[in-house]
PDB file of all heavy atoms in Angstrom:
ATOM      1  N   GLU A   1      73.201  57.243 176.039  1.00  0.00           N
ATOM      2  CA  GLU A   1      73.816  56.314 176.983  1.00  0.00           C
ATOM      3  C   GLU A   1      74.462  55.122 176.215  1.00  0.00           C
ATOM      4  O   GLU A   1      75.253  54.379 176.863  1.00  0.00           O
ATOM      5  CB  GLU A   1      72.711  55.735 177.927  1.00  0.00           C
ATOM      6  CG  GLU A   1      71.601  54.991 177.325  1.00  0.00           C
ATOM      7  CD  GLU A   1      70.465  55.901 176.765  1.00  0.00           C
ATOM      8  OE1 GLU A   1      70.643  57.140 176.838  1.00  0.00           O
ATOM      9  OE2 GLU A   1      69.507  55.320 176.413  1.00  0.00           O
ATOM     10  N   GLU A   2      74.209  54.926 175.033  1.00  0.00           N
ATOM     11  CA  GLU A   2      74.836  53.872 174.201  1.00  0.00           C
ATOM     12  C   GLU A   2      76.063  54.348 173.419  1.00  0.00           C
ATOM     13  O   GLU A   2      76.567  53.573 172.621  1.00  0.00           O
ATOM     14  CB  GLU A   2      73.790  53.239 173.259  1.00  0.00           C
ATOM     15  CG  GLU A   2      72.653  52.515 173.994  1.00  0.00           C
ATOM     16  CD  GLU A   2      71.731  51.833 173.039  1.00  0.00           C
ATOM     17  OE1 GLU A   2      71.924  51.839 171.776  1.00  0.00           O
ATOM     18  OE2 GLU A   2      70.696  51.262 173.511  1.00  0.00           O
ATOM     19  N   PHE A   3      76.396  55.624 173.582  1.00  0.00           N
ATOM     20  CA  PHE A   3      77.632  56.145 172.900  1.00  0.00           C
ATOM     21  C   PHE A   3      78.825  55.531 173.551  1.00  0.00           C
ATOM     22  O   PHE A   3      79.194  55.903 174.679  1.00  0.00           O
ATOM     23  CB  PHE A   3      77.624  57.668 172.953  1.00  0.00           C
ATOM     24  CG  PHE A   3      76.684  58.366 171.935  1.00  0.00           C
ATOM     25  CD1 PHE A   3      75.527  57.727 171.554  1.00  0.00           C
ATOM     26  CD2 PHE A   3      77.045  59.626 171.432  1.00  0.00           C
ATOM     27  CE1 PHE A   3      74.662  58.367 170.626  1.00  0.00           C
ATOM     28  CE2 PHE A   3      76.250  60.131 170.513  1.00  0.00           C
ATOM     29  CZ  PHE A   3      75.021  59.606 170.121  1.00  0.00           C
ATOM     30  N   THR A   4      79.493  54.661 172.891  1.00  0.00           N
ATOM     31  CA  THR A   4      80.666  53.992 173.379  1.00  0.00           C
ATOM     32  C   THR A   4      81.872  54.188 172.557  1.00  0.00           C
ATOM     33  O   THR A   4      83.018  53.984 173.041  1.00  0.00           O
ATOM     34  CB  THR A   4      80.421  52.489 173.554  1.00  0.00           C
ATOM     35  OG1 THR A   4      80.035  51.957 172.311  1.00  0.00           O
ATOM     36  CG2 THR A   4      79.361  52.301 174.585  1.00  0.00           C
ATOM     37  N   THR A   5      81.783  54.560 171.319  1.00  0.00           N
ATOM     38  CA  THR A   5      82.888  54.831 170.438  1.00  0.00           C
ATOM     39  C   THR A   5      82.803  56.152 169.808  1.00  0.00           C
ATOM     40  O   THR A   5      81.755  56.829 169.804  1.00  0.00           O
ATOM     41  CB  THR A   5      83.004  53.760 169.317  1.00  0.00           C
ATOM     42  OG1 THR A   5      81.896  53.939 168.439  1.00  0.00           O
ATOM     43  CG2 THR A   5      82.971  52.254 169.910  1.00  0.00           C
ATOM     44  N   VAL A   6      83.941  56.599 169.217  1.00  0.00           N
ATOM     45  CA  VAL A   6      83.970  57.906 168.575  1.00  0.00           C
ATOM     46  C   VAL A   6      83.012  57.994 167.353  1.00  0.00           C
ATOM     47  O   VAL A   6      82.521  59.024 167.030  1.00  0.00           O
ATOM     48  CB  VAL A   6      85.402  58.258 168.126  1.00  0.00           C
ATOM     49  CG1 VAL A   6      85.856  57.353 166.924  1.00  0.00           C
ATOM     50  CG2 VAL A   6      85.524  59.711 167.660  1.00  0.00           C
ATOM     51  N   TRP A   7      82.766  56.841 166.717  1.00  0.00           N
ATOM     52  CA  TRP A   7      81.768  56.800 165.631  1.00  0.00           C
ATOM     53  C   TRP A   7      80.360  57.183 166.004  1.00  0.00           C
ATOM     54  O   TRP A   7      79.627  57.734 165.260  1.00  0.00           O
ATOM     55  CB  TRP A   7      81.869  55.408 164.954  1.00  0.00           C
ATOM     56  CG  TRP A   7      83.200  55.041 164.482  1.00  0.00           C
ATOM     57  CD1 TRP A   7      83.958  54.074 164.976  1.00  0.00           C
ATOM     58  CD2 TRP A   7      83.849  55.654 163.430  1.00  0.00           C
ATOM     59  NE1 TRP A   7      85.184  54.059 164.327  1.00  0.00           N
ATOM     60  CE2 TRP A   7      85.198  55.021 163.364  1.00  0.00           C
ATOM     61  CE3 TRP A   7      83.652  56.663 162.503  1.00  0.00           C
ATOM     62  CZ2 TRP A   7      86.146  55.368 162.417  1.00  0.00           C
ATOM     63  CZ3 TRP A   7      84.622  57.050 161.589  1.00  0.00           C
ATOM     64  CH2 TRP A   7      85.784  56.394 161.518  1.00  0.00           C
ATOM     65  N   HIS A   8      80.012  56.841 167.233  1.00  0.00           N
ATOM     66  CA  HIS A   8      78.690  57.261 167.730  1.00  0.00           C
ATOM     67  C   HIS A   8      78.587  58.800 167.683  1.00  0.00           C
ATOM     68  O   HIS A   8      77.492  59.342 167.381  1.00  0.00           O
ATOM     69  CB  HIS A   8      78.442  56.779 169.150  1.00  0.00           C
ATOM     70  CG  HIS A   8      78.234  55.256 169.184  1.00  0.00           C
ATOM     71  ND1 HIS A   8      79.071  54.401 169.682  1.00  0.00           N
ATOM     72  CD2 HIS A   8      77.124  54.504 168.822  1.00  0.00           C
ATOM     73  CE1 HIS A   8      78.628  53.178 169.587  1.00  0.00           C
ATOM     74  NE2 HIS A   8      77.383  53.218 169.070  1.00  0.00           N
ATOM     75  N   TYR A   9      79.660  59.502 168.053  1.00  0.00           N
ATOM     76  CA  TYR A   9      79.610  60.933 168.080  1.00  0.00           C
ATOM     77  C   TYR A   9      79.655  61.579 166.685  1.00  0.00           C
ATOM     78  O   TYR A   9      79.171  62.634 166.551  1.00  0.00           O
ATOM     79  CB  TYR A   9      80.762  61.461 168.984  1.00  0.00           C
ATOM     80  CG  TYR A   9      80.694  61.023 170.450  1.00  0.00           C
ATOM     81  CD1 TYR A   9      81.314  59.946 170.955  1.00  0.00           C
ATOM     82  CD2 TYR A   9      79.854  61.753 171.327  1.00  0.00           C
ATOM     83  CE1 TYR A   9      81.210  59.535 172.227  1.00  0.00           C
ATOM     84  CE2 TYR A   9      79.726  61.393 172.625  1.00  0.00           C
ATOM     85  CZ  TYR A   9      80.391  60.285 173.057  1.00  0.00           C
ATOM     86  OH  TYR A   9      80.305  59.916 174.384  1.00  0.00           O
ATOM     87  N   PHE A  10      80.273  60.853 165.772  1.00  0.00           N
ATOM     88  CA  PHE A  10      80.392  61.379 164.454  1.00  0.00           C
ATOM     89  C   PHE A  10      79.011  61.390 163.681  1.00  0.00           C
ATOM     90  O   PHE A  10      78.914  62.112 162.684  1.00  0.00           O
ATOM     91  CB  PHE A  10      81.387  60.526 163.558  1.00  0.00           C
ATOM     92  CG  PHE A  10      82.764  61.032 163.733  1.00  0.00           C
ATOM     93  CD1 PHE A  10      83.778  60.119 164.049  1.00  0.00           C
ATOM     94  CD2 PHE A  10      83.132  62.367 163.531  1.00  0.00           C
ATOM     95  CE1 PHE A  10      85.081  60.551 164.175  1.00  0.00           C
ATOM     96  CE2 PHE A  10      84.391  62.803 163.681  1.00  0.00           C
ATOM     97  CZ  PHE A  10      85.408  61.882 163.994  1.00  0.00           C
ATOM     98  N   GLN A  11      78.049  60.683 164.241  1.00  0.00           N
ATOM     99  CA  GLN A  11      76.730  60.640 163.618  1.00  0.00           C
ATOM    100  C   GLN A  11      76.061  62.011 163.904  1.00  0.00           C
ATOM    101  O   GLN A  11      75.180  62.443 163.091  1.00  0.00           O
ATOM    102  CB  GLN A  11      75.899  59.549 164.120  1.00  0.00           C
ATOM    103  CG  GLN A  11      75.456  59.648 165.575  1.00  0.00           C
ATOM    104  CD  GLN A  11      74.594  58.538 166.003  1.00  0.00           C
ATOM    105  OE1 GLN A  11      73.546  58.247 165.454  1.00  0.00           O
ATOM    106  NE2 GLN A  11      75.049  57.788 167.004  1.00  0.00           N
ATOM    107  N   LEU A  12      76.445  62.727 164.903  1.00  0.00           N
ATOM    108  CA  LEU A  12      75.776  63.980 165.251  1.00  0.00           C
ATOM    109  C   LEU A  12      75.933  65.126 164.191  1.00  0.00           C
ATOM    110  O   LEU A  12      74.923  65.747 163.835  1.00  0.00           O
ATOM    111  CB  LEU A  12      76.206  64.432 166.669  1.00  0.00           C
ATOM    112  CG  LEU A  12      75.854  63.521 167.791  1.00  0.00           C
ATOM    113  CD1 LEU A  12      76.341  63.992 169.177  1.00  0.00           C
ATOM    114  CD2 LEU A  12      74.377  63.129 167.820  1.00  0.00           C
ATOM    115  N   PRO A  13      77.154  65.338 163.805  1.00  0.00           N
ATOM    116  CA  PRO A  13      77.316  66.399 162.730  1.00  0.00           C
ATOM    117  C   PRO A  13      76.581  65.955 161.360  1.00  0.00           C
ATOM    118  O   PRO A  13      76.112  66.793 160.657  1.00  0.00           O
ATOM    119  CB  PRO A  13      78.824  66.519 162.464  1.00  0.00           C
ATOM    120  CG  PRO A  13      79.416  65.306 163.165  1.00  0.00           C
ATOM    121  CD  PRO A  13      78.454  64.902 164.276  1.00  0.00           C
ATOM    122  N   VAL A  14      76.506  64.589 161.165  1.00  0.00           N
ATOM    123  CA  VAL A  14      75.861  64.169 160.025  1.00  0.00           C
ATOM    124  C   VAL A  14      74.306  64.484 160.156  1.00  0.00           C
ATOM    125  O   VAL A  14      73.658  64.943 159.191  1.00  0.00           O
ATOM    126  CB  VAL A  14      75.951  62.624 159.820  1.00  0.00           C
ATOM    127  CG1 VAL A  14      75.120  62.111 158.646  1.00  0.00           C
ATOM    128  CG2 VAL A  14      77.451  62.254 159.528  1.00  0.00           C
ATOM    129  N   TYR A  15      73.780  64.259 161.319  1.00  0.00           N
ATOM    130  CA  TYR A  15      72.327  64.583 161.525  1.00  0.00           C
ATOM    131  C   TYR A  15      72.134  66.059 161.334  1.00  0.00           C
ATOM    132  O   TYR A  15      71.155  66.489 160.713  1.00  0.00           O
ATOM    133  CB  TYR A  15      71.968  64.220 162.957  1.00  0.00           C
ATOM    134  CG  TYR A  15      71.573  62.766 163.271  1.00  0.00           C
ATOM    135  CD1 TYR A  15      72.173  61.995 164.144  1.00  0.00           C
ATOM    136  CD2 TYR A  15      70.530  62.168 162.500  1.00  0.00           C
ATOM    137  CE1 TYR A  15      71.885  60.726 164.410  1.00  0.00           C
ATOM    138  CE2 TYR A  15      70.177  60.857 162.724  1.00  0.00           C
ATOM    139  CZ  TYR A  15      70.816  60.103 163.663  1.00  0.00           C
ATOM    140  OH  TYR A  15      70.464  58.761 163.861  1.00  0.00           O
ATOM    141  N   ALA A  16      73.080  66.856 161.822  1.00  0.00           N
ATOM    142  CA  ALA A  16      72.931  68.334 161.790  1.00  0.00           C
ATOM    143  C   ALA A  16      72.963  68.792 160.313  1.00  0.00           C
ATOM    144  O   ALA A  16      72.211  69.621 159.919  1.00  0.00           O
ATOM    145  CB  ALA A  16      74.039  68.992 162.555  1.00  0.00           C
ATOM    146  N   ILE A  17      73.882  68.229 159.537  1.00  0.00           N
ATOM    147  CA  ILE A  17      74.035  68.618 158.115  1.00  0.00           C
ATOM    148  C   ILE A  17      72.749  68.290 157.388  1.00  0.00           C
ATOM    149  O   ILE A  17      72.191  69.115 156.639  1.00  0.00           O
ATOM    150  CB  ILE A  17      75.199  67.889 157.457  1.00  0.00           C
ATOM    151  CG1 ILE A  17      76.568  68.530 158.063  1.00  0.00           C
ATOM    152  CG2 ILE A  17      75.224  68.093 155.980  1.00  0.00           C
ATOM    153  CD1 ILE A  17      77.766  67.708 157.698  1.00  0.00           C
ATOM    154  N   VAL A  18      72.310  67.064 157.522  1.00  0.00           N
ATOM    155  CA  VAL A  18      71.079  66.672 156.843  1.00  0.00           C
ATOM    156  C   VAL A  18      69.866  67.501 157.267  1.00  0.00           C
ATOM    157  O   VAL A  18      69.088  67.981 156.354  1.00  0.00           O
ATOM    158  CB  VAL A  18      70.719  65.116 157.204  1.00  0.00           C
ATOM    159  CG1 VAL A  18      69.406  64.765 156.604  1.00  0.00           C
ATOM    160  CG2 VAL A  18      71.840  64.205 156.586  1.00  0.00           C
ATOM    161  N   LEU A  19      69.787  67.804 158.477  1.00  0.00           N
ATOM    162  CA  LEU A  19      68.656  68.592 159.052  1.00  0.00           C
ATOM    163  C   LEU A  19      68.691  69.986 158.467  1.00  0.00           C
ATOM    164  O   LEU A  19      67.538  70.506 158.012  1.00  0.00           O
ATOM    165  CB  LEU A  19      68.670  68.618 160.536  1.00  0.00           C
ATOM    166  CG  LEU A  19      67.477  69.265 161.199  1.00  0.00           C
ATOM    167  CD1 LEU A  19      66.154  68.542 160.748  1.00  0.00           C
ATOM    168  CD2 LEU A  19      67.618  69.202 162.691  1.00  0.00           C
ATOM    169  N   VAL A  20      69.776  70.680 158.380  1.00  0.00           N
ATOM    170  CA  VAL A  20      69.788  72.044 157.862  1.00  0.00           C
ATOM    171  C   VAL A  20      69.555  72.041 156.405  1.00  0.00           C
ATOM    172  O   VAL A  20      68.889  72.975 155.867  1.00  0.00           O
ATOM    173  CB  VAL A  20      71.101  72.761 158.160  1.00  0.00           C
ATOM    174  CG1 VAL A  20      71.287  72.961 159.661  1.00  0.00           C
ATOM    175  CG2 VAL A  20      72.284  72.057 157.602  1.00  0.00           C
ATOM    176  N   LEU A  21      69.992  71.041 155.671  1.00  0.00           N
ATOM    177  CA  LEU A  21      69.773  70.943 154.206  1.00  0.00           C
ATOM    178  C   LEU A  21      68.277  70.694 153.967  1.00  0.00           C
ATOM    179  O   LEU A  21      67.708  71.270 152.983  1.00  0.00           O
ATOM    180  CB  LEU A  21      70.623  69.849 153.613  1.00  0.00           C
ATOM    181  CG  LEU A  21      72.112  70.116 153.591  1.00  0.00           C
ATOM    182  CD1 LEU A  21      72.884  68.904 152.899  1.00  0.00           C
ATOM    183  CD2 LEU A  21      72.405  71.423 152.823  1.00  0.00           C
ATOM    184  N   VAL A  22      67.612  69.847 154.749  1.00  0.00           N
ATOM    185  CA  VAL A  22      66.210  69.558 154.548  1.00  0.00           C
ATOM    186  C   VAL A  22      65.332  70.810 154.882  1.00  0.00           C
ATOM    187  O   VAL A  22      64.474  71.207 154.121  1.00  0.00           O
ATOM    188  CB  VAL A  22      65.765  68.373 155.407  1.00  0.00           C
ATOM    189  CG1 VAL A  22      64.240  68.253 155.347  1.00  0.00           C
ATOM    190  CG2 VAL A  22      66.424  67.056 154.868  1.00  0.00           C
ATOM    191  N   LEU A  23      65.632  71.346 156.056  1.00  0.00           N
ATOM    192  CA  LEU A  23      64.807  72.539 156.492  1.00  0.00           C
ATOM    193  C   LEU A  23      65.064  73.795 155.686  1.00  0.00           C
ATOM    194  O   LEU A  23      64.226  74.664 155.636  1.00  0.00           O
ATOM    195  CB  LEU A  23      65.121  72.877 157.982  1.00  0.00           C
ATOM    196  CG  LEU A  23      64.668  71.707 158.973  1.00  0.00           C
ATOM    197  CD1 LEU A  23      64.924  72.167 160.383  1.00  0.00           C
ATOM    198  CD2 LEU A  23      63.201  71.404 158.772  1.00  0.00           C
ATOM    199  N   GLY A  24      66.234  73.864 154.987  1.00  0.00           N
ATOM    200  CA  GLY A  24      66.471  75.031 154.149  1.00  0.00           C
ATOM    201  C   GLY A  24      66.122  74.775 152.747  1.00  0.00           C
ATOM    202  O   GLY A  24      66.362  75.637 151.824  1.00  0.00           O
ATOM    203  N   SER A  25      65.429  73.649 152.446  1.00  0.00           N
ATOM    204  CA  SER A  25      65.079  73.279 151.108  1.00  0.00           C
ATOM    205  C   SER A  25      63.833  74.095 150.582  1.00  0.00           C
ATOM    206  O   SER A  25      63.066  74.599 151.395  1.00  0.00           O
ATOM    207  CB  SER A  25      64.812  71.840 150.989  1.00  0.00           C
ATOM    208  OG  SER A  25      63.682  71.433 151.747  1.00  0.00           O
TER     209      SER A  25
END
């Protein structure tokens, strides 16, 4: 609900990348 700019949405692929790299470690 606090997503107001495009930068808020850009954090989601970053979360996804970090998560797959950690879980695949």
